[in-house]
Amino acid sequence: MSLKRTIPTPSTLQRLPFTTFPKPYSPLTRSFSTSLPALSSPPKILLEDKSNGFGFIRHNKIPPKPRKTSVTEIRGPYYSVMGPNYLSDALKTMGEHVDGLKFAGGAFSLFPEPALRELLDMAHDHGVYVSTGGWMEHVLTQSDAEEAVDKYLRKCKDLGFDVIEISTGFLSLPPDDWVRLVERVQKFGLKPKPELGIQFGAGGDTQAGDLESMGTSDPSKVINMAKRFIDMGVERMMIESEGITENVTSWRTDVIQAILRDLPMEKVMFEAADPKVFNWYIREFGVDVNLFVDHSQIVQLSCLRRGIWGMADTFGKIVSYRPE
C-alpha cells in the first residue's frame, strides 16, 4: 500500500528540519526535476556497490536525483494498462533510473479517482514527478475555455500532479496565448512543460503520409518559442518526435542539431519512444541528454546510459569522464 503524502503548509514547514525538502522550496510550487523526496533512501544499486556488488565493472556515473541532465521520463498507461502492481514492480526495481511519469493524453481521466491517487502517491514515494500529457489541447476546445482551464488545473493540482504539459500539435494557437497558458499554470503552483514540435497534427499516431501532406514548420519557430519559455522560468520543454524521428521517411537530424545548438541541453527533453531513436540520441549527445521513453524501455535505456550494454554501434562506446 502506498503511503499518502501531502504538501506541507508554511506552519508545518517551520517544525520540519531544513533538510526535509530540496532548496529552494515554496509550499505553493512543486519541483519539476523530481517530486518530494522519497520516503526513504533507496538501496544502492549493485552497479554502484564496490564492496559487495558490481562496482568494479566500468560504468558511467549518472547524477543523483534531482537531476537536470540524464533525466528519464516514462510513459504511463496509454498503449497498455498500468496499475499499482505494475508500477510498484517498475519503481521498486528501476526507480533509481526514473525521474518522471507521464500520463499520455487524457488517460488519467479514465481512472477512478482513488486508483489514480494511488499511482501518483506511489510515484512520489519513489521521488518521481508526475506529468499530464497534452490534454490541455482538448480543454481549450471547450465552450468556455477560460473557466475550463482553471477547473482543469485546480483538479490536477488536487490530484497531486506536479507538471502540466501544454501541447499544440492539433491546434493553431497564437504564441502570446501559449505564453498566457504557461503563466496560468505557474500561478496555480504547477510546473508547465510546453511540448514543441515542427509537425502540425502530431500526437495522435497520424499516418506518415497524412502528416507529410500537412507540412512542417521551420525549426526556428521551435527555438524562438523555447527561448521565450526559458525567459519565463520554464524548467524543461518536451520536443515532439513526430516530424523529426517518428512518422517520417528520413530523420530530421538537422532540427535536433539546431535545437541543441541554440538551447541548453538541460532545458529540453526529446521524445524517443523507440530503441533505435534513443540509441542514436545517446550515441550523438552522450549520457546527459534528457529523454522520454515508454515504460517498457526503461531498463534498455538505463543500460545504455550507464555504458554497460548497447547496440552494435554503441556497445562499449558510451563513456563519460567525471573525476570525483
Protein backbone atom coordinates (compact mmCIF):
# COMPACT_ATOMS: atom_id res chain seq x y z
CA MET A 1 0.00 0.00 0.00
CA SER A 2 1.29 3.43 -0.92
CA LEU A 3 1.72 5.93 1.92
CA LYS A 4 -0.07 9.24 1.40
CA ARG A 5 1.95 12.41 1.04
CA THR A 6 0.67 15.94 1.40
CA ILE A 7 2.17 19.30 0.59
CA PRO A 8 3.03 20.93 3.95
CA THR A 9 1.81 24.36 4.96
CA PRO A 10 4.20 27.14 6.00
CA SER A 11 3.42 26.39 9.67
CA THR A 12 4.37 22.73 9.35
CA LEU A 13 7.49 23.66 7.41
CA GLN A 14 8.71 25.61 10.43
CA ARG A 15 8.59 22.41 12.51
CA LEU A 16 10.49 20.31 9.97
CA PRO A 17 14.29 20.10 9.71
CA PHE A 18 15.70 22.21 6.93
CA THR A 19 16.97 19.12 5.12
CA THR A 20 13.47 17.69 4.62
CA PHE A 21 12.89 19.49 1.33
CA PRO A 22 15.22 20.45 -1.52
CA LYS A 23 16.15 24.14 -1.64
CA PRO A 24 14.68 26.43 -2.71
CA TYR A 25 11.24 25.24 -1.62
CA SER A 26 7.92 27.04 -1.72
CA PRO A 27 4.71 25.44 -0.49
CA LEU A 28 2.97 27.00 -3.49
CA THR A 29 5.09 25.28 -6.12
CA ARG A 30 6.27 21.77 -6.78
CA SER A 31 9.70 20.85 -8.05
CA PHE A 32 9.96 19.60 -11.63
CA SER A 33 13.32 17.83 -11.61
CA THR A 34 11.87 15.47 -9.06
CA SER A 35 8.92 15.40 -6.73
CA LEU A 36 9.14 15.49 -2.96
CA PRO A 37 11.95 13.33 -1.58
CA ALA A 38 11.36 9.61 -1.45
CA LEU A 39 10.09 8.39 1.90
CA SER A 40 13.33 6.53 2.48
CA SER A 41 16.71 6.36 0.82
CA PRO A 42 16.62 3.75 -1.94
CA PRO A 43 19.07 0.87 -1.58
CA LYS A 44 22.28 1.26 -3.55
CA ILE A 45 22.11 -0.40 -6.95
CA LEU A 46 24.58 -3.25 -7.42
CA LEU A 47 26.44 -1.37 -10.13
CA GLU A 48 27.36 1.34 -7.60
CA ASP A 49 28.29 -1.11 -4.81
CA LYS A 50 32.07 -1.53 -4.85
CA SER A 51 32.19 -3.68 -1.72
CA ASN A 52 29.52 -6.29 -2.35
CA GLY A 53 28.19 -5.69 -5.84
CA PHE A 54 29.40 -4.95 -9.35
CA GLY A 55 31.06 -1.61 -8.64
CA PHE A 56 34.29 -2.97 -10.08
CA ILE A 57 32.70 -3.02 -13.56
CA ARG A 58 33.32 0.10 -15.67
CA HIS A 59 30.19 2.20 -15.97
CA ASN A 60 29.12 5.81 -16.44
CA LYS A 61 28.16 7.83 -13.41
CA ILE A 62 24.73 9.43 -13.54
CA PRO A 63 23.86 12.46 -11.35
CA PRO A 64 21.68 11.58 -8.35
CA LYS A 65 18.12 12.84 -8.13
CA PRO A 66 17.00 15.54 -8.53
CA ARG A 67 18.66 15.62 -11.94
CA LYS A 68 18.70 18.35 -14.56
CA THR A 69 20.51 16.19 -17.12
CA SER A 70 20.27 12.45 -17.81
CA VAL A 71 16.58 12.86 -16.96
CA THR A 72 14.32 9.99 -18.00
CA GLU A 73 10.56 10.40 -18.15
CA ILE A 74 8.49 7.30 -18.83
CA ARG A 75 5.06 6.97 -20.39
CA GLY A 76 2.40 5.62 -18.05
CA PRO A 77 -0.83 3.95 -19.16
CA TYR A 78 -1.71 4.59 -22.79
CA TYR A 79 -0.63 1.83 -25.17
CA SER A 80 -1.02 -0.62 -22.30
CA VAL A 81 -2.65 -0.58 -18.89
CA MET A 82 -0.57 0.35 -15.82
CA GLY A 83 -1.95 -0.43 -12.40
CA PRO A 84 -0.42 -0.22 -8.90
CA ASN A 85 1.16 -3.66 -9.06
CA TYR A 86 2.88 -2.94 -12.37
CA LEU A 87 4.06 0.50 -11.29
CA SER A 88 5.22 -0.81 -7.92
CA ASP A 89 7.30 -3.51 -9.61
CA ALA A 90 8.78 -0.98 -12.05
CA LEU A 91 9.73 1.56 -9.37
CA LYS A 92 10.94 -0.92 -6.76
CA THR A 93 13.40 -2.32 -9.30
CA MET A 94 14.14 0.62 -11.61
CA GLY A 95 13.00 3.65 -9.60
CA GLU A 96 16.55 4.98 -9.28
CA HIS A 97 16.60 5.43 -13.07
CA VAL A 98 13.15 7.04 -13.43
CA ASP A 99 12.67 10.79 -12.92
CA GLY A 100 9.17 11.37 -14.23
CA LEU A 101 5.92 9.55 -15.05
CA LYS A 102 3.68 10.94 -17.78
CA PHE A 103 0.01 10.09 -18.35
CA ALA A 104 -0.35 10.48 -22.11
CA GLY A 105 -3.27 12.46 -23.45
CA GLY A 106 -6.23 12.39 -21.09
CA ALA A 107 -5.63 8.78 -20.00
CA PHE A 108 -5.75 9.78 -16.33
CA SER A 109 -9.39 10.92 -16.70
CA LEU A 110 -10.42 7.30 -17.31
CA PHE A 111 -9.30 6.19 -13.83
CA PRO A 112 -11.45 6.08 -10.72
CA GLU A 113 -10.02 8.82 -8.52
CA PRO A 114 -8.78 6.53 -5.68
CA ALA A 115 -6.87 4.36 -8.16
CA LEU A 116 -5.28 7.39 -9.82
CA ARG A 117 -4.26 8.91 -6.49
CA GLU A 118 -2.65 5.61 -5.52
CA LEU A 119 -0.44 5.70 -8.62
CA LEU A 120 0.54 9.35 -8.10
CA ASP A 121 1.35 8.76 -4.43
CA MET A 122 3.43 5.73 -5.35
CA ALA A 123 5.43 7.77 -7.86
CA HIS A 124 6.07 10.49 -5.26
CA ASP A 125 7.15 7.88 -2.71
CA HIS A 126 9.94 6.97 -5.15
CA GLY A 127 10.98 10.56 -5.86
CA VAL A 128 9.31 10.58 -9.30
CA TYR A 129 7.40 13.63 -10.54
CA VAL A 130 4.08 13.10 -12.31
CA SER A 131 3.09 14.88 -15.51
CA THR A 132 -0.09 15.15 -17.50
CA GLY A 133 0.04 14.55 -21.21
CA GLY A 134 -1.08 17.11 -23.73
CA TRP A 135 -4.78 17.03 -22.78
CA MET A 136 -4.73 20.81 -22.48
CA GLU A 137 -5.42 20.84 -26.22
CA HIS A 138 -8.80 19.24 -25.61
CA VAL A 139 -9.52 21.50 -22.64
CA LEU A 140 -9.00 24.55 -24.87
CA THR A 141 -11.78 23.42 -27.22
CA GLN A 142 -14.49 23.70 -24.54
CA SER A 143 -17.18 26.38 -24.92
CA ASP A 144 -15.75 28.41 -22.02
CA ALA A 145 -12.03 27.77 -22.31
CA GLU A 146 -11.04 30.20 -19.57
CA GLU A 147 -13.22 28.50 -16.98
CA ALA A 148 -12.30 25.03 -18.25
CA VAL A 149 -8.55 25.70 -17.99
CA ASP A 150 -8.84 26.90 -14.39
CA LYS A 151 -11.03 23.96 -13.34
CA TYR A 152 -8.64 21.56 -15.09
CA LEU A 153 -5.58 22.99 -13.35
CA ARG A 154 -7.31 23.10 -9.98
CA LYS A 155 -8.28 19.43 -10.19
CA CYS A 156 -4.86 18.34 -11.47
CA LYS A 157 -3.20 20.04 -8.50
CA ASP A 158 -5.71 18.49 -6.09
CA LEU A 159 -4.97 15.03 -7.50
CA GLY A 160 -1.25 15.51 -6.96
CA PHE A 161 0.11 16.19 -10.44
CA ASP A 162 3.38 18.13 -10.45
CA VAL A 163 3.74 19.04 -14.13
CA ILE A 164 1.21 20.18 -16.75
CA GLU A 165 2.18 19.50 -20.34
CA ILE A 166 0.94 22.11 -22.81
CA SER A 167 0.85 20.79 -26.36
CA THR A 168 -0.44 22.45 -29.51
CA GLY A 169 0.11 19.68 -32.05
CA PHE A 170 -3.52 19.72 -33.16
CA LEU A 171 -4.27 23.41 -32.57
CA SER A 172 -3.29 26.69 -34.15
CA LEU A 173 -2.56 28.75 -31.06
CA PRO A 174 -1.02 32.24 -31.17
CA PRO A 175 2.37 32.40 -29.39
CA ASP A 176 1.15 35.02 -26.90
CA ASP A 177 -1.78 32.78 -25.94
CA TRP A 178 0.62 29.89 -25.36
CA VAL A 179 2.63 32.16 -23.07
CA ARG A 180 -0.54 33.05 -21.17
CA LEU A 181 -1.27 29.36 -20.62
CA VAL A 182 2.22 28.82 -19.23
CA GLU A 183 1.74 31.78 -16.89
CA ARG A 184 -1.61 30.38 -15.77
CA VAL A 185 -0.06 27.02 -14.91
CA GLN A 186 2.65 28.79 -12.92
CA LYS A 187 0.06 30.82 -11.00
CA PHE A 188 -1.59 27.60 -9.89
CA GLY A 189 1.70 26.49 -8.36
CA LEU A 190 2.29 23.82 -11.00
CA LYS A 191 5.19 23.38 -13.41
CA PRO A 192 4.44 23.95 -17.11
CA LYS A 193 6.06 21.70 -19.68
CA PRO A 194 5.39 23.05 -23.18
CA GLU A 195 5.63 20.47 -25.93
CA LEU A 196 7.25 21.92 -29.04
CA GLY A 197 7.47 20.42 -32.49
CA ILE A 198 7.68 21.13 -36.19
CA GLN A 199 4.82 18.84 -37.26
CA PHE A 200 1.21 20.02 -37.21
CA GLY A 201 -1.16 17.18 -36.35
CA ALA A 202 1.42 15.44 -34.14
CA GLY A 203 0.47 13.50 -31.06
CA GLY A 204 -2.23 11.11 -32.23
CA ASP A 205 -0.44 8.40 -34.22
CA THR A 206 -1.45 10.00 -37.52
CA GLN A 207 -0.04 8.16 -40.52
CA ALA A 208 3.20 9.49 -42.01
CA GLY A 209 1.59 10.26 -45.37
CA ASP A 210 -1.14 12.34 -43.78
CA LEU A 211 1.37 14.25 -41.67
CA GLU A 212 3.60 14.90 -44.67
CA SER A 213 0.71 16.45 -46.56
CA MET A 214 0.28 18.99 -43.74
CA GLY A 215 3.89 20.16 -43.99
CA THR A 216 6.26 21.13 -41.20
CA SER A 217 7.35 24.33 -39.50
CA ASP A 218 10.80 25.86 -39.63
CA PRO A 219 12.94 24.81 -36.63
CA SER A 220 13.40 28.50 -35.77
CA LYS A 221 9.77 28.59 -34.63
CA VAL A 222 10.52 25.95 -32.00
CA ILE A 223 13.72 27.67 -30.90
CA ASN A 224 12.17 31.14 -30.64
CA MET A 225 9.24 29.86 -28.56
CA ALA A 226 11.59 27.86 -26.34
CA LYS A 227 13.65 30.98 -25.62
CA ARG A 228 10.50 32.83 -24.56
CA PHE A 229 9.59 29.99 -22.22
CA ILE A 230 13.09 29.88 -20.73
CA ASP A 231 12.85 33.61 -20.01
CA MET A 232 9.62 32.86 -18.12
CA GLY A 233 11.37 30.36 -15.89
CA VAL A 234 10.18 27.18 -17.58
CA GLU A 235 12.47 24.41 -16.42
CA ARG A 236 12.13 21.98 -19.30
CA MET A 237 10.33 21.55 -22.62
CA MET A 238 9.38 18.40 -24.49
CA ILE A 239 10.39 18.11 -28.14
CA GLU A 240 7.75 16.20 -30.11
CA SER A 241 9.21 13.33 -32.13
CA GLU A 242 6.68 13.30 -34.97
CA GLY A 243 8.10 15.11 -37.95
CA ILE A 244 11.62 14.60 -36.61
CA THR A 245 12.23 10.91 -35.84
CA GLU A 246 8.71 9.48 -35.93
CA ASN A 247 6.37 9.02 -38.90
CA VAL A 248 8.93 10.41 -41.33
CA THR A 249 10.66 8.90 -44.34
CA SER A 250 14.04 10.14 -43.04
CA TRP A 251 15.05 11.59 -39.69
CA ARG A 252 15.35 15.38 -39.42
CA THR A 253 18.63 15.35 -37.52
CA ASP A 254 19.19 18.93 -38.67
CA VAL A 255 16.28 20.03 -36.48
CA ILE A 256 17.76 18.31 -33.43
CA GLN A 257 21.18 19.85 -34.06
CA ALA A 258 19.64 23.31 -34.43
CA ILE A 259 17.74 22.94 -31.15
CA LEU A 260 20.79 21.85 -29.19
CA ARG A 261 22.95 24.50 -30.81
CA ASP A 262 20.69 27.32 -29.60
CA LEU A 263 19.16 25.90 -26.41
CA PRO A 264 20.81 24.49 -23.25
CA MET A 265 20.59 20.69 -23.17
CA GLU A 266 19.11 20.67 -19.67
CA LYS A 267 16.16 22.77 -20.88
CA VAL A 268 14.87 20.23 -23.40
CA MET A 269 13.69 16.64 -23.36
CA PHE A 270 13.37 14.62 -26.56
CA GLU A 271 10.58 12.16 -27.17
CA ALA A 272 12.34 8.94 -28.15
CA ALA A 273 9.93 6.05 -27.64
CA ASP A 274 11.83 3.74 -30.00
CA PRO A 275 15.09 1.95 -29.10
CA LYS A 276 16.74 2.97 -32.37
CA VAL A 277 15.92 6.60 -31.62
CA PHE A 278 17.18 6.79 -28.03
CA ASN A 279 20.23 4.75 -29.03
CA TRP A 280 21.03 7.46 -31.59
CA TYR A 281 20.48 10.30 -29.10
CA ILE A 282 22.84 8.76 -26.55
CA ARG A 283 25.43 8.00 -29.22
CA GLU A 284 25.33 11.51 -30.65
CA PHE A 285 24.93 13.61 -27.48
CA GLY A 286 26.12 11.41 -24.62
CA VAL A 287 24.55 10.26 -21.39
CA ASP A 288 23.32 13.72 -20.34
CA VAL A 289 20.58 14.09 -22.96
CA ASN A 290 17.06 14.10 -21.43
CA LEU A 291 14.71 11.53 -22.94
CA PHE A 292 11.07 10.45 -22.83
CA VAL A 293 10.52 6.74 -23.47
CA ASP A 294 7.85 4.11 -22.97
CA HIS A 295 7.81 2.44 -19.55
CA SER A 296 8.73 -0.86 -21.23
CA GLN A 297 12.09 0.61 -22.32
CA ILE A 298 13.46 1.94 -19.02
CA VAL A 299 15.85 -1.00 -18.50
CA GLN A 300 17.28 -0.84 -22.01
CA LEU A 301 17.79 2.93 -21.85
CA SER A 302 19.38 2.74 -18.39
CA CYS A 303 21.85 0.09 -19.53
CA LEU A 304 22.75 2.34 -22.47
CA ARG A 305 23.24 5.44 -20.29
CA ARG A 306 25.47 3.51 -17.91
CA GLY A 307 27.52 2.18 -20.82
CA ILE A 308 27.11 -1.45 -19.78
CA TRP A 309 25.19 -2.62 -22.86
CA GLY A 310 24.09 -1.31 -26.24
CA MET A 311 23.51 -1.94 -29.91
CA ALA A 312 26.23 -2.72 -32.41
CA ASP A 313 27.13 0.97 -32.78
CA THR A 314 27.03 1.76 -29.05
CA PHE A 315 28.19 -1.40 -27.24
CA GLY A 316 31.29 -0.45 -25.26
CA LYS A 317 31.38 3.03 -26.82
CA ILE A 318 29.23 5.17 -24.46
CA VAL A 319 31.63 6.73 -21.95
CA SER A 320 31.92 9.70 -19.64
CA TYR A 321 34.78 11.41 -17.77
CA ARG A 322 33.80 12.70 -14.31
CA PRO A 323 36.58 12.50 -11.74
CA GLU A 324 35.38 12.69 -8.15
